[in-house]
Amino acid sequence: MNDATSFAVFLFPQAIDTLGAVIKPYLTDVPAVGPHIVCSEIDPAGPFFTLTVQGRDGEGRAVEAELMLPHAFIRLVVSLHSDHDFGFGLRKKMVVPAVPAAQD
């Protein structure tokens, strides 16, 4: 199993409305899941809930930003592991080969 873990942080709709255009660049909106922020790290300790997000600057260089939000804005945090897809949808059923019947 791959150890790469990230987090999907869902905000309350009122929090998204309150933050407005400031939060829009950080949101990922998947129709079946809804708007959320994908983070490499989270820290719920302290007066603010801190989200570390990875991105690119205007020249394509990797940058890291920390978003500090009030705890009351956070609706749900989901741990994402890179070994499977995220979201609600049809899953492929695992096919188990048939076991031959025992002969007497």
PDB file of N, CA and C in Angstrom:
ATOM      1  N   MET A   1       0.848  -1.177   0.000  1.00  0.00           N
ATOM      2  CA  MET A   1       0.000   0.000   0.000  1.00  0.00           C
ATOM      3  C   MET A   1       0.890   1.235   0.000  1.00  0.00           C
ATOM      4  N   ASN A   2       0.513   2.231  -0.783  1.00  0.00           N
ATOM      5  CA  ASN A   2       1.250   3.481  -0.864  1.00  0.00           C
ATOM      6  C   ASN A   2       0.941   4.320   0.370  1.00  0.00           C
ATOM      7  N   ASP A   3       1.963   4.933   0.952  1.00  0.00           N
ATOM      8  CA  ASP A   3       1.765   5.698   2.176  1.00  0.00           C
ATOM      9  C   ASP A   3       1.371   7.153   1.944  1.00  0.00           C
ATOM     10  N   ALA A   4       1.251   7.587   0.685  1.00  0.00           N
ATOM     11  CA  ALA A   4       0.886   8.972   0.400  1.00  0.00           C
ATOM     12  C   ALA A   4      -0.549   9.224   0.856  1.00  0.00           C
ATOM     13  N   THR A   5      -0.721  10.154   1.762  1.00  0.00           N
ATOM     14  CA  THR A   5      -2.034  10.483   2.293  1.00  0.00           C
ATOM     15  C   THR A   5      -2.264  11.967   2.129  1.00  0.00           C
ATOM     16  N   SER A   6      -3.468  12.313   1.740  1.00  0.00           N
ATOM     17  CA  SER A   6      -3.878  13.702   1.733  1.00  0.00           C
ATOM     18  C   SER A   6      -5.254  13.760   2.380  1.00  0.00           C
ATOM     19  N   PHE A   7      -5.792  14.939   2.478  1.00  0.00           N
ATOM     20  CA  PHE A   7      -7.063  15.122   3.165  1.00  0.00           C
ATOM     21  C   PHE A   7      -7.999  15.948   2.306  1.00  0.00           C
ATOM     22  N   ALA A   8      -9.263  15.596   2.318  1.00  0.00           N
ATOM     23  CA  ALA A   8     -10.308  16.401   1.698  1.00  0.00           C
ATOM     24  C   ALA A   8     -11.050  17.078   2.846  1.00  0.00           C
ATOM     25  N   VAL A   9     -11.004  18.404   2.862  1.00  0.00           N
ATOM     26  CA  VAL A   9     -11.655  19.166   3.931  1.00  0.00           C
ATOM     27  C   VAL A   9     -12.883  19.856   3.347  1.00  0.00           C
ATOM     28  N   PHE A  10     -14.032  19.515   3.897  1.00  0.00           N
ATOM     29  CA  PHE A  10     -15.296  20.096   3.469  1.00  0.00           C
ATOM     30  C   PHE A  10     -15.666  21.225   4.419  1.00  0.00           C
ATOM     31  N   LEU A  11     -16.089  22.344   3.839  1.00  0.00           N
ATOM     32  CA  LEU A  11     -16.522  23.498   4.624  1.00  0.00           C
ATOM     33  C   LEU A  11     -18.045  23.577   4.587  1.00  0.00           C
ATOM     34  N   PHE A  12     -18.626  24.219   5.589  1.00  0.00           N
ATOM     35  CA  PHE A  12     -20.050  24.481   5.557  1.00  0.00           C
ATOM     36  C   PHE A  12     -20.338  25.459   4.420  1.00  0.00           C
ATOM     37  N   PRO A  13     -21.495  25.336   3.755  1.00  0.00           N
ATOM     38  CA  PRO A  13     -21.827  26.265   2.665  1.00  0.00           C
ATOM     39  C   PRO A  13     -21.757  27.731   3.097  1.00  0.00           C
ATOM     40  N   GLN A  14     -22.156  28.017   4.334  1.00  0.00           N
ATOM     41  CA  GLN A  14     -22.104  29.391   4.828  1.00  0.00           C
ATOM     42  C   GLN A  14     -20.661  29.884   4.918  1.00  0.00           C
ATOM     43  N   ALA A  15     -19.722  28.984   5.224  1.00  0.00           N
ATOM     44  CA  ALA A  15     -18.309  29.361   5.298  1.00  0.00           C
ATOM     45  C   ALA A  15     -17.795  29.724   3.907  1.00  0.00           C
ATOM     46  N   ILE A  16     -18.183  28.940   2.909  1.00  0.00           N
ATOM     47  CA  ILE A  16     -17.769  29.238   1.529  1.00  0.00           C
ATOM     48  C   ILE A  16     -18.345  30.582   1.099  1.00  0.00           C
ATOM     49  N   ASP A  17     -19.610  30.829   1.436  1.00  0.00           N
ATOM     50  CA  ASP A  17     -20.226  32.122   1.104  1.00  0.00           C
ATOM     51  C   ASP A  17     -19.528  33.276   1.814  1.00  0.00           C
ATOM     52  N   THR A  18     -19.188  33.082   3.097  1.00  0.00           N
ATOM     53  CA  THR A  18     -18.532  34.126   3.876  1.00  0.00           C
ATOM     54  C   THR A  18     -17.151  34.455   3.323  1.00  0.00           C
ATOM     55  N   LEU A  19     -16.392  33.421   2.958  1.00  0.00           N
ATOM     56  CA  LEU A  19     -15.042  33.625   2.438  1.00  0.00           C
ATOM     57  C   LEU A  19     -15.056  34.146   1.001  1.00  0.00           C
ATOM     58  N   GLY A  20     -16.076  33.815   0.253  1.00  0.00           N
ATOM     59  CA  GLY A  20     -16.253  34.334  -1.102  1.00  0.00           C
ATOM     60  C   GLY A  20     -15.121  33.986  -2.045  1.00  0.00           C
ATOM     61  N   ALA A  21     -14.685  34.989  -2.816  1.00  0.00           N
ATOM     62  CA  ALA A  21     -13.680  34.803  -3.865  1.00  0.00           C
ATOM     63  C   ALA A  21     -12.325  34.382  -3.313  1.00  0.00           C
ATOM     64  N   VAL A  22     -12.063  34.671  -2.053  1.00  0.00           N
ATOM     65  CA  VAL A  22     -10.763  34.338  -1.453  1.00  0.00           C
ATOM     66  C   VAL A  22     -10.533  32.832  -1.415  1.00  0.00           C
ATOM     67  N   ILE A  23     -11.574  32.053  -1.167  1.00  0.00           N
ATOM     68  CA  ILE A  23     -11.424  30.604  -1.016  1.00  0.00           C
ATOM     69  C   ILE A  23     -11.586  29.849  -2.336  1.00  0.00           C
ATOM     70  N   LYS A  24     -12.178  30.464  -3.329  1.00  0.00           N
ATOM     71  CA  LYS A  24     -12.478  29.786  -4.600  1.00  0.00           C
ATOM     72  C   LYS A  24     -11.269  29.115  -5.251  1.00  0.00           C
ATOM     73  N   PRO A  25     -10.073  29.734  -5.300  1.00  0.00           N
ATOM     74  CA  PRO A  25      -8.941  29.063  -5.951  1.00  0.00           C
ATOM     75  C   PRO A  25      -8.495  27.770  -5.261  1.00  0.00           C
ATOM     76  N   TYR A  26      -8.857  27.596  -4.010  1.00  0.00           N
ATOM     77  CA  TYR A  26      -8.431  26.420  -3.244  1.00  0.00           C
ATOM     78  C   TYR A  26      -9.451  25.283  -3.295  1.00  0.00           C
ATOM     79  N   LEU A  27     -10.643  25.553  -3.801  1.00  0.00           N
ATOM     80  CA  LEU A  27     -11.703  24.553  -3.825  1.00  0.00           C
ATOM     81  C   LEU A  27     -11.605  23.636  -5.033  1.00  0.00           C
ATOM     82  N   THR A  28     -11.836  22.360  -4.802  1.00  0.00           N
ATOM     83  CA  THR A  28     -11.979  21.366  -5.855  1.00  0.00           C
ATOM     84  C   THR A  28     -13.441  20.955  -5.806  1.00  0.00           C
ATOM     85  N   ASP A  29     -14.127  21.077  -6.934  1.00  0.00           N
ATOM     86  CA  ASP A  29     -15.556  20.748  -6.938  1.00  0.00           C
ATOM     87  C   ASP A  29     -15.800  19.527  -7.815  1.00  0.00           C
ATOM     88  N   VAL A  30     -16.134  18.428  -7.184  1.00  0.00           N
ATOM     89  CA  VAL A  30     -16.465  17.188  -7.869  1.00  0.00           C
ATOM     90  C   VAL A  30     -17.977  17.023  -7.750  1.00  0.00           C
ATOM     91  N   PRO A  31     -18.699  16.917  -8.884  1.00  0.00           N
ATOM     92  CA  PRO A  31     -20.162  16.880  -8.824  1.00  0.00           C
ATOM     93  C   PRO A  31     -20.750  15.876  -7.837  1.00  0.00           C
ATOM     94  N   ALA A  32     -20.233  14.669  -7.776  1.00  0.00           N
ATOM     95  CA  ALA A  32     -20.812  13.652  -6.884  1.00  0.00           C
ATOM     96  C   ALA A  32     -20.419  13.861  -5.428  1.00  0.00           C
ATOM     97  N   VAL A  33     -19.387  14.683  -5.178  1.00  0.00           N
ATOM     98  CA  VAL A  33     -18.860  14.845  -3.823  1.00  0.00           C
ATOM     99  C   VAL A  33     -19.130  16.238  -3.281  1.00  0.00           C
ATOM    100  N   GLY A  34     -18.965  17.256  -4.098  1.00  0.00           N
ATOM    101  CA  GLY A  34     -19.163  18.632  -3.676  1.00  0.00           C
ATOM    102  C   GLY A  34     -17.838  19.349  -3.478  1.00  0.00           C
ATOM    103  N   PRO A  35     -17.903  20.651  -3.233  1.00  0.00           N
ATOM    104  CA  PRO A  35     -16.667  21.430  -3.091  1.00  0.00           C
ATOM    105  C   PRO A  35     -15.899  21.064  -1.828  1.00  0.00           C
ATOM    106  N   HIS A  36     -14.586  20.919  -1.982  1.00  0.00           N
ATOM    107  CA  HIS A  36     -13.720  20.604  -0.850  1.00  0.00           C
ATOM    108  C   HIS A  36     -12.317  21.104  -1.149  1.00  0.00           C
ATOM    109  N   ILE A  37     -11.472  21.140  -0.130  1.00  0.00           N
ATOM    110  CA  ILE A  37     -10.086  21.562  -0.264  1.00  0.00           C
ATOM    111  C   ILE A  37      -9.216  20.342  -0.053  1.00  0.00           C
ATOM    112  N   VAL A  38      -8.331  20.058  -1.018  1.00  0.00           N
ATOM    113  CA  VAL A  38      -7.407  18.929  -0.896  1.00  0.00           C
ATOM    114  C   VAL A  38      -6.131  19.458  -0.241  1.00  0.00           C
ATOM    115  N   CYS A  39      -5.739  18.847   0.880  1.00  0.00           N
ATOM    116  CA  CYS A  39      -4.596  19.301   1.669  1.00  0.00           C
ATOM    117  C   CYS A  39      -3.579  18.183   1.828  1.00  0.00           C
ATOM    118  N   SER A  40      -2.324  18.580   1.953  1.00  0.00           N
ATOM    119  CA  SER A  40      -1.286  17.586   2.236  1.00  0.00           C
ATOM    120  C   SER A  40      -1.151  17.358   3.734  1.00  0.00           C
ATOM    121  N   GLU A  41      -1.515  18.367   4.523  1.00  0.00           N
ATOM    122  CA  GLU A  41      -1.467  18.257   5.980  1.00  0.00           C
ATOM    123  C   GLU A  41      -2.596  19.079   6.588  1.00  0.00           C
ATOM    124  N   ILE A  42      -3.034  18.660   7.770  1.00  0.00           N
ATOM    125  CA  ILE A  42      -3.993  19.440   8.548  1.00  0.00           C
ATOM    126  C   ILE A  42      -3.510  19.503   9.987  1.00  0.00           C
ATOM    127  N   ASP A  43      -3.881  20.583  10.662  1.00  0.00           N
ATOM    128  CA  ASP A  43      -3.557  20.721  12.081  1.00  0.00           C
ATOM    129  C   ASP A  43      -4.750  21.379  12.769  1.00  0.00           C
ATOM    130  N   PRO A  44      -5.572  20.568  13.446  1.00  0.00           N
ATOM    131  CA  PRO A  44      -6.752  21.121  14.105  1.00  0.00           C
ATOM    132  C   PRO A  44      -6.461  21.750  15.466  1.00  0.00           C
ATOM    133  N   ALA A  45      -5.217  21.663  15.943  1.00  0.00           N
ATOM    134  CA  ALA A  45      -4.878  22.220  17.257  1.00  0.00           C
ATOM    135  C   ALA A  45      -4.740  23.742  17.153  1.00  0.00           C
ATOM    136  N   GLY A  46      -4.985  24.396  18.236  1.00  0.00           N
ATOM    137  CA  GLY A  46      -4.811  25.843  18.257  1.00  0.00           C
ATOM    138  C   GLY A  46      -6.097  26.584  17.941  1.00  0.00           C
ATOM    139  N   PRO A  47      -5.996  27.908  17.870  1.00  0.00           N
ATOM    140  CA  PRO A  47      -7.199  28.717  17.678  1.00  0.00           C
ATOM    141  C   PRO A  47      -7.792  28.601  16.273  1.00  0.00           C
ATOM    142  N   PHE A  48      -7.003  28.167  15.289  1.00  0.00           N
ATOM    143  CA  PHE A  48      -7.486  27.994  13.928  1.00  0.00           C
ATOM    144  C   PHE A  48      -7.184  26.581  13.445  1.00  0.00           C
ATOM    145  N   PHE A  49      -7.986  26.121  12.501  1.00  0.00           N
ATOM    146  CA  PHE A  49      -7.781  24.843  11.825  1.00  0.00           C
ATOM    147  C   PHE A  49      -6.858  25.154  10.655  1.00  0.00           C
ATOM    148  N   THR A  50      -5.637  24.613  10.663  1.00  0.00           N
ATOM    149  CA  THR A  50      -4.648  24.938   9.641  1.00  0.00           C
ATOM    150  C   THR A  50      -4.616  23.862   8.563  1.00  0.00           C
ATOM    151  N   LEU A  51      -4.721  24.288   7.309  1.00  0.00           N
ATOM    152  CA  LEU A  51      -4.684  23.411   6.152  1.00  0.00           C
ATOM    153  C   LEU A  51      -3.445  23.755   5.342  1.00  0.00           C
ATOM    154  N   THR A  52      -2.633  22.767   4.999  1.00  0.00           N
ATOM    155  CA  THR A  52      -1.474  22.984   4.142  1.00  0.00           C
ATOM    156  C   THR A  52      -1.828  22.472   2.758  1.00  0.00           C
ATOM    157  N   VAL A  53      -1.792  23.382   1.774  1.00  0.00           N
ATOM    158  CA  VAL A  53      -2.151  23.021   0.395  1.00  0.00           C
ATOM    159  C   VAL A  53      -0.945  23.198  -0.517  1.00  0.00           C
ATOM    160  N   GLN A  54      -0.856  22.326  -1.500  1.00  0.00           N
ATOM    161  CA  GLN A  54       0.217  22.375  -2.496  1.00  0.00           C
ATOM    162  C   GLN A  54      -0.333  23.012  -3.765  1.00  0.00           C
ATOM    163  N   GLY A  55       0.497  23.772  -4.437  1.00  0.00           N
ATOM    164  CA  GLY A  55       0.052  24.406  -5.678  1.00  0.00           C
ATOM    165  C   GLY A  55       1.221  24.823  -6.537  1.00  0.00           C
ATOM    166  N   ARG A  56       0.945  25.636  -7.529  1.00  0.00           N
ATOM    167  CA  ARG A  56       1.956  26.158  -8.455  1.00  0.00           C
ATOM    168  C   ARG A  56       1.769  27.664  -8.561  1.00  0.00           C
ATOM    169  N   ASP A  57       2.908  28.386  -8.655  1.00  0.00           N
ATOM    170  CA  ASP A  57       2.828  29.834  -8.849  1.00  0.00           C
ATOM    171  C   ASP A  57       2.658  30.132 -10.334  1.00  0.00           C
ATOM    172  N   GLY A  58       2.632  31.406 -10.706  1.00  0.00           N
ATOM    173  CA  GLY A  58       2.431  31.811 -12.090  1.00  0.00           C
ATOM    174  C   GLY A  58       3.494  31.296 -13.036  1.00  0.00           C
ATOM    175  N   GLU A  59       4.665  30.962 -12.505  1.00  0.00           N
ATOM    176  CA  GLU A  59       5.759  30.449 -13.338  1.00  0.00           C
ATOM    177  C   GLU A  59       5.871  28.929 -13.302  1.00  0.00           C
ATOM    178  N   GLY A  60       4.920  28.273 -12.644  1.00  0.00           N
ATOM    179  CA  GLY A  60       4.905  26.814 -12.615  1.00  0.00           C
ATOM    180  C   GLY A  60       5.716  26.174 -11.508  1.00  0.00           C
ATOM    181  N   ARG A  61       6.308  26.976 -10.626  1.00  0.00           N
ATOM    182  CA  ARG A  61       7.086  26.418  -9.513  1.00  0.00           C
ATOM    183  C   ARG A  61       6.150  25.940  -8.411  1.00  0.00           C
ATOM    184  N   ALA A  62       6.551  24.853  -7.751  1.00  0.00           N
ATOM    185  CA  ALA A  62       5.760  24.308  -6.647  1.00  0.00           C
ATOM    186  C   ALA A  62       5.779  25.285  -5.470  1.00  0.00           C
ATOM    187  N   VAL A  63       4.615  25.528  -4.902  1.00  0.00           N
ATOM    188  CA  VAL A  63       4.490  26.384  -3.721  1.00  0.00           C
ATOM    189  C   VAL A  63       3.608  25.686  -2.699  1.00  0.00           C
ATOM    190  N   GLU A  64       3.758  26.082  -1.466  1.00  0.00           N
ATOM    191  CA  GLU A  64       2.965  25.535  -0.371  1.00  0.00           C
ATOM    192  C   GLU A  64       2.324  26.710   0.352  1.00  0.00           C
ATOM    193  N   ALA A  65       1.046  26.588   0.654  1.00  0.00           N
ATOM    194  CA  ALA A  65       0.336  27.652   1.364  1.00  0.00           C
ATOM    195  C   ALA A  65      -0.358  27.059   2.577  1.00  0.00           C
ATOM    196  N   GLU A  66      -0.470  27.863   3.627  1.00  0.00           N
ATOM    197  CA  GLU A  66      -1.220  27.452   4.812  1.00  0.00           C
ATOM    198  C   GLU A  66      -2.462  28.317   4.917  1.00  0.00           C
ATOM    199  N   LEU A  67      -3.595  27.650   4.987  1.00  0.00           N
ATOM    200  CA  LEU A  67      -4.862  28.339   5.184  1.00  0.00           C
ATOM    201  C   LEU A  67      -5.250  28.140   6.636  1.00  0.00           C
ATOM    202  N   MET A  68      -5.602  29.208   7.307  1.00  0.00           N
ATOM    203  CA  MET A  68      -6.022  29.109   8.702  1.00  0.00           C
ATOM    204  C   MET A  68      -7.472  29.553   8.796  1.00  0.00           C
ATOM    205  N   LEU A  69      -8.329  28.594   9.117  1.00  0.00           N
ATOM    206  CA  LEU A  69      -9.765  28.834   9.150  1.00  0.00           C
ATOM    207  C   LEU A  69     -10.315  28.615  10.552  1.00  0.00           C
ATOM    208  N   PRO A  70     -11.380  29.332  10.903  1.00  0.00           N
ATOM    209  CA  PRO A  70     -12.030  29.049  12.183  1.00  0.00           C
ATOM    210  C   PRO A  70     -12.568  27.614  12.204  1.00  0.00           C
ATOM    211  N   HIS A  71     -12.496  26.988  13.342  1.00  0.00           N
ATOM    212  CA  HIS A  71     -12.974  25.602  13.482  1.00  0.00           C
ATOM    213  C   HIS A  71     -14.439  25.475  13.071  1.00  0.00           C
ATOM    214  N   ALA A  72     -15.229  26.508  13.307  1.00  0.00           N
ATOM    215  CA  ALA A  72     -16.656  26.451  13.000  1.00  0.00           C
ATOM    216  C   ALA A  72     -16.926  26.370  11.500  1.00  0.00           C
ATOM    217  N   PHE A  73     -15.921  26.662  10.647  1.00  0.00           N
ATOM    218  CA  PHE A  73     -16.094  26.579   9.199  1.00  0.00           C
ATOM    219  C   PHE A  73     -15.966  25.145   8.689  1.00  0.00           C
ATOM    220  N   ILE A  74     -15.333  24.268   9.464  1.00  0.00           N
ATOM    221  CA  ILE A  74     -15.024  22.908   9.015  1.00  0.00           C
ATOM    222  C   ILE A  74     -16.224  21.994   9.236  1.00  0.00           C
ATOM    223  N   ARG A  75     -16.661  21.366   8.158  1.00  0.00           N
ATOM    224  CA  ARG A  75     -17.807  20.454   8.225  1.00  0.00           C
ATOM    225  C   ARG A  75     -17.369  19.004   8.367  1.00  0.00           C
ATOM    226  N   LEU A  76     -16.316  18.612   7.604  1.00  0.00           N
ATOM    227  CA  LEU A  76     -15.891  17.217   7.573  1.00  0.00           C
ATOM    228  C   LEU A  76     -14.473  17.137   7.031  1.00  0.00           C
ATOM    229  N   VAL A  77     -13.687  16.204   7.566  1.00  0.00           N
ATOM    230  CA  VAL A  77     -12.351  15.922   7.050  1.00  0.00           C
ATOM    231  C   VAL A  77     -12.311  14.444   6.680  1.00  0.00           C
ATOM    232  N   VAL A  78     -11.869  14.166   5.447  1.00  0.00           N
ATOM    233  CA  VAL A  78     -11.770  12.796   4.962  1.00  0.00           C
ATOM    234  C   VAL A  78     -10.310  12.520   4.618  1.00  0.00           C
ATOM    235  N   SER A  79      -9.776  11.441   5.149  1.00  0.00           N
ATOM    236  CA  SER A  79      -8.406  11.029   4.837  1.00  0.00           C
ATOM    237  C   SER A  79      -8.419  10.292   3.505  1.00  0.00           C
ATOM    238  N   LEU A  80      -7.566  10.740   2.578  1.00  0.00           N
ATOM    239  CA  LEU A  80      -7.487  10.129   1.251  1.00  0.00           C
ATOM    240  C   LEU A  80      -6.177   9.384   1.115  1.00  0.00           C
ATOM    241  N   HIS A  81      -6.246   8.148   0.722  1.00  0.00           N
ATOM    242  CA  HIS A  81      -5.043   7.361   0.473  1.00  0.00           C
ATOM    243  C   HIS A  81      -4.905   7.200  -1.030  1.00  0.00           C
ATOM    244  N   SER A  82      -3.697   7.240  -1.526  1.00  0.00           N
ATOM    245  CA  SER A  82      -3.482   7.229  -2.969  1.00  0.00           C
ATOM    246  C   SER A  82      -3.728   5.872  -3.610  1.00  0.00           C
ATOM    247  N   ASP A  83      -4.037   4.864  -2.834  1.00  0.00           N
ATOM    248  CA  ASP A  83      -4.231   3.541  -3.426  1.00  0.00           C
ATOM    249  C   ASP A  83      -5.663   3.283  -3.896  1.00  0.00           C
ATOM    250  N   HIS A  84      -6.562   4.271  -3.789  1.00  0.00           N
ATOM    251  CA  HIS A  84      -7.913   4.108  -4.313  1.00  0.00           C
ATOM    252  C   HIS A  84      -8.509   5.466  -4.641  1.00  0.00           C
ATOM    253  N   ASP A  85      -9.592   5.445  -5.435  1.00  0.00           N
ATOM    254  CA  ASP A  85     -10.265   6.673  -5.845  1.00  0.00           C
ATOM    255  C   ASP A  85     -11.080   7.239  -4.697  1.00  0.00           C
ATOM    256  N   PHE A  86     -11.373   8.538  -4.800  1.00  0.00           N
ATOM    257  CA  PHE A  86     -12.181   9.223  -3.806  1.00  0.00           C
ATOM    258  C   PHE A  86     -13.507   9.588  -4.440  1.00  0.00           C
ATOM    259  N   GLY A  87     -14.571   9.400  -3.719  1.00  0.00           N
ATOM    260  CA  GLY A  87     -15.868   9.837  -4.202  1.00  0.00           C
ATOM    261  C   GLY A  87     -16.926   8.768  -4.032  1.00  0.00           C
ATOM    262  N   PHE A  88     -18.116   9.159  -4.406  1.00  0.00           N
ATOM    263  CA  PHE A  88     -19.247   8.261  -4.318  1.00  0.00           C
ATOM    264  C   PHE A  88     -19.612   7.876  -5.737  1.00  0.00           C
ATOM    265  N   GLY A  89     -19.561   6.642  -6.041  1.00  0.00           N
ATOM    266  CA  GLY A  89     -19.874   6.199  -7.391  1.00  0.00           C
ATOM    267  C   GLY A  89     -19.880   4.689  -7.442  1.00  0.00           C
ATOM    268  N   LEU A  90     -20.043   4.187  -8.643  1.00  0.00           N
ATOM    269  CA  LEU A  90     -20.063   2.746  -8.812  1.00  0.00           C
ATOM    270  C   LEU A  90     -18.672   2.180  -8.595  1.00  0.00           C
ATOM    271  N   ARG A  91     -18.590   1.150  -7.851  1.00  0.00           N
ATOM    272  CA  ARG A  91     -17.332   0.455  -7.598  1.00  0.00           C
ATOM    273  C   ARG A  91     -17.315  -0.806  -8.436  1.00  0.00           C
ATOM    274  N   LYS A  92     -16.147  -1.179  -8.906  1.00  0.00           N
ATOM    275  CA  LYS A  92     -16.014  -2.428  -9.636  1.00  0.00           C
ATOM    276  C   LYS A  92     -16.099  -3.573  -8.644  1.00  0.00           C
ATOM    277  N   LYS A  93     -16.931  -4.541  -8.976  1.00  0.00           N
ATOM    278  CA  LYS A  93     -17.045  -5.713  -8.108  1.00  0.00           C
ATOM    279  C   LYS A  93     -15.865  -6.630  -8.350  1.00  0.00           C
ATOM    280  N   MET A  94     -15.353  -7.152  -7.271  1.00  0.00           N
ATOM    281  CA  MET A  94     -14.258  -8.097  -7.381  1.00  0.00           C
ATOM    282  C   MET A  94     -14.843  -9.449  -7.772  1.00  0.00           C
ATOM    283  N   VAL A  95     -14.272 -10.042  -8.802  1.00  0.00           N
ATOM    284  CA  VAL A  95     -14.753 -11.340  -9.266  1.00  0.00           C
ATOM    285  C   VAL A  95     -13.923 -12.411  -8.586  1.00  0.00           C
ATOM    286  N   VAL A  96     -14.614 -13.289  -7.873  1.00  0.00           N
ATOM    287  CA  VAL A  96     -13.956 -14.395  -7.184  1.00  0.00           C
ATOM    288  C   VAL A  96     -14.138 -15.628  -8.045  1.00  0.00           C
ATOM    289  N   PRO A  97     -13.030 -16.282  -8.399  1.00  0.00           N
ATOM    290  CA  PRO A  97     -13.171 -17.477  -9.235  1.00  0.00           C
ATOM    291  C   PRO A  97     -13.973 -18.568  -8.518  1.00  0.00           C
ATOM    292  N   ALA A  98     -14.750 -19.291  -9.298  1.00  0.00           N
ATOM    293  CA  ALA A  98     -15.556 -20.370  -8.726  1.00  0.00           C
ATOM    294  C   ALA A  98     -14.660 -21.515  -8.272  1.00  0.00           C
ATOM    295  N   VAL A  99     -15.017 -22.088  -7.166  1.00  0.00           N
ATOM    296  CA  VAL A  99     -14.268 -23.242  -6.646  1.00  0.00           C
ATOM    297  C   VAL A  99     -14.967 -24.488  -7.141  1.00  0.00           C
ATOM    298  N   PRO A 100     -14.232 -25.404  -7.776  1.00  0.00           N
ATOM    299  CA  PRO A 100     -14.863 -26.633  -8.276  1.00  0.00           C
ATOM    300  C   PRO A 100     -15.477 -27.432  -7.122  1.00  0.00           C
ATOM    301  N   ALA A 101     -16.594 -28.050  -7.400  1.00  0.00           N
ATOM    302  CA  ALA A 101     -17.259 -28.867  -6.371  1.00  0.00           C
ATOM    303  C   ALA A 101     -16.409 -30.108  -6.084  1.00  0.00           C
ATOM    304  N   ALA A 102     -16.421 -30.524  -4.844  1.00  0.00           N
ATOM    305  CA  ALA A 102     -15.661 -31.717  -4.448  1.00  0.00           C
ATOM    306  C   ALA A 102     -16.317 -32.962  -5.045  1.00  0.00           C
ATOM    307  N   GLN A 103     -15.518 -33.857  -5.545  1.00  0.00           N
ATOM    308  CA  GLN A 103     -16.046 -35.102  -6.117  1.00  0.00           C
ATOM    309  C   GLN A 103     -15.974 -36.196  -5.073  1.00  0.00           C
ATOM    310  N   ASP A 104     -17.023 -36.988  -4.994  1.00  0.00           N
ATOM    311  CA  ASP A 104     -17.060 -38.102  -4.031  1.00  0.00           C
ATOM    312  C   ASP A 104     -16.347 -39.298  -4.530  1.00  0.00           C
TER     313      ASP A 104
END
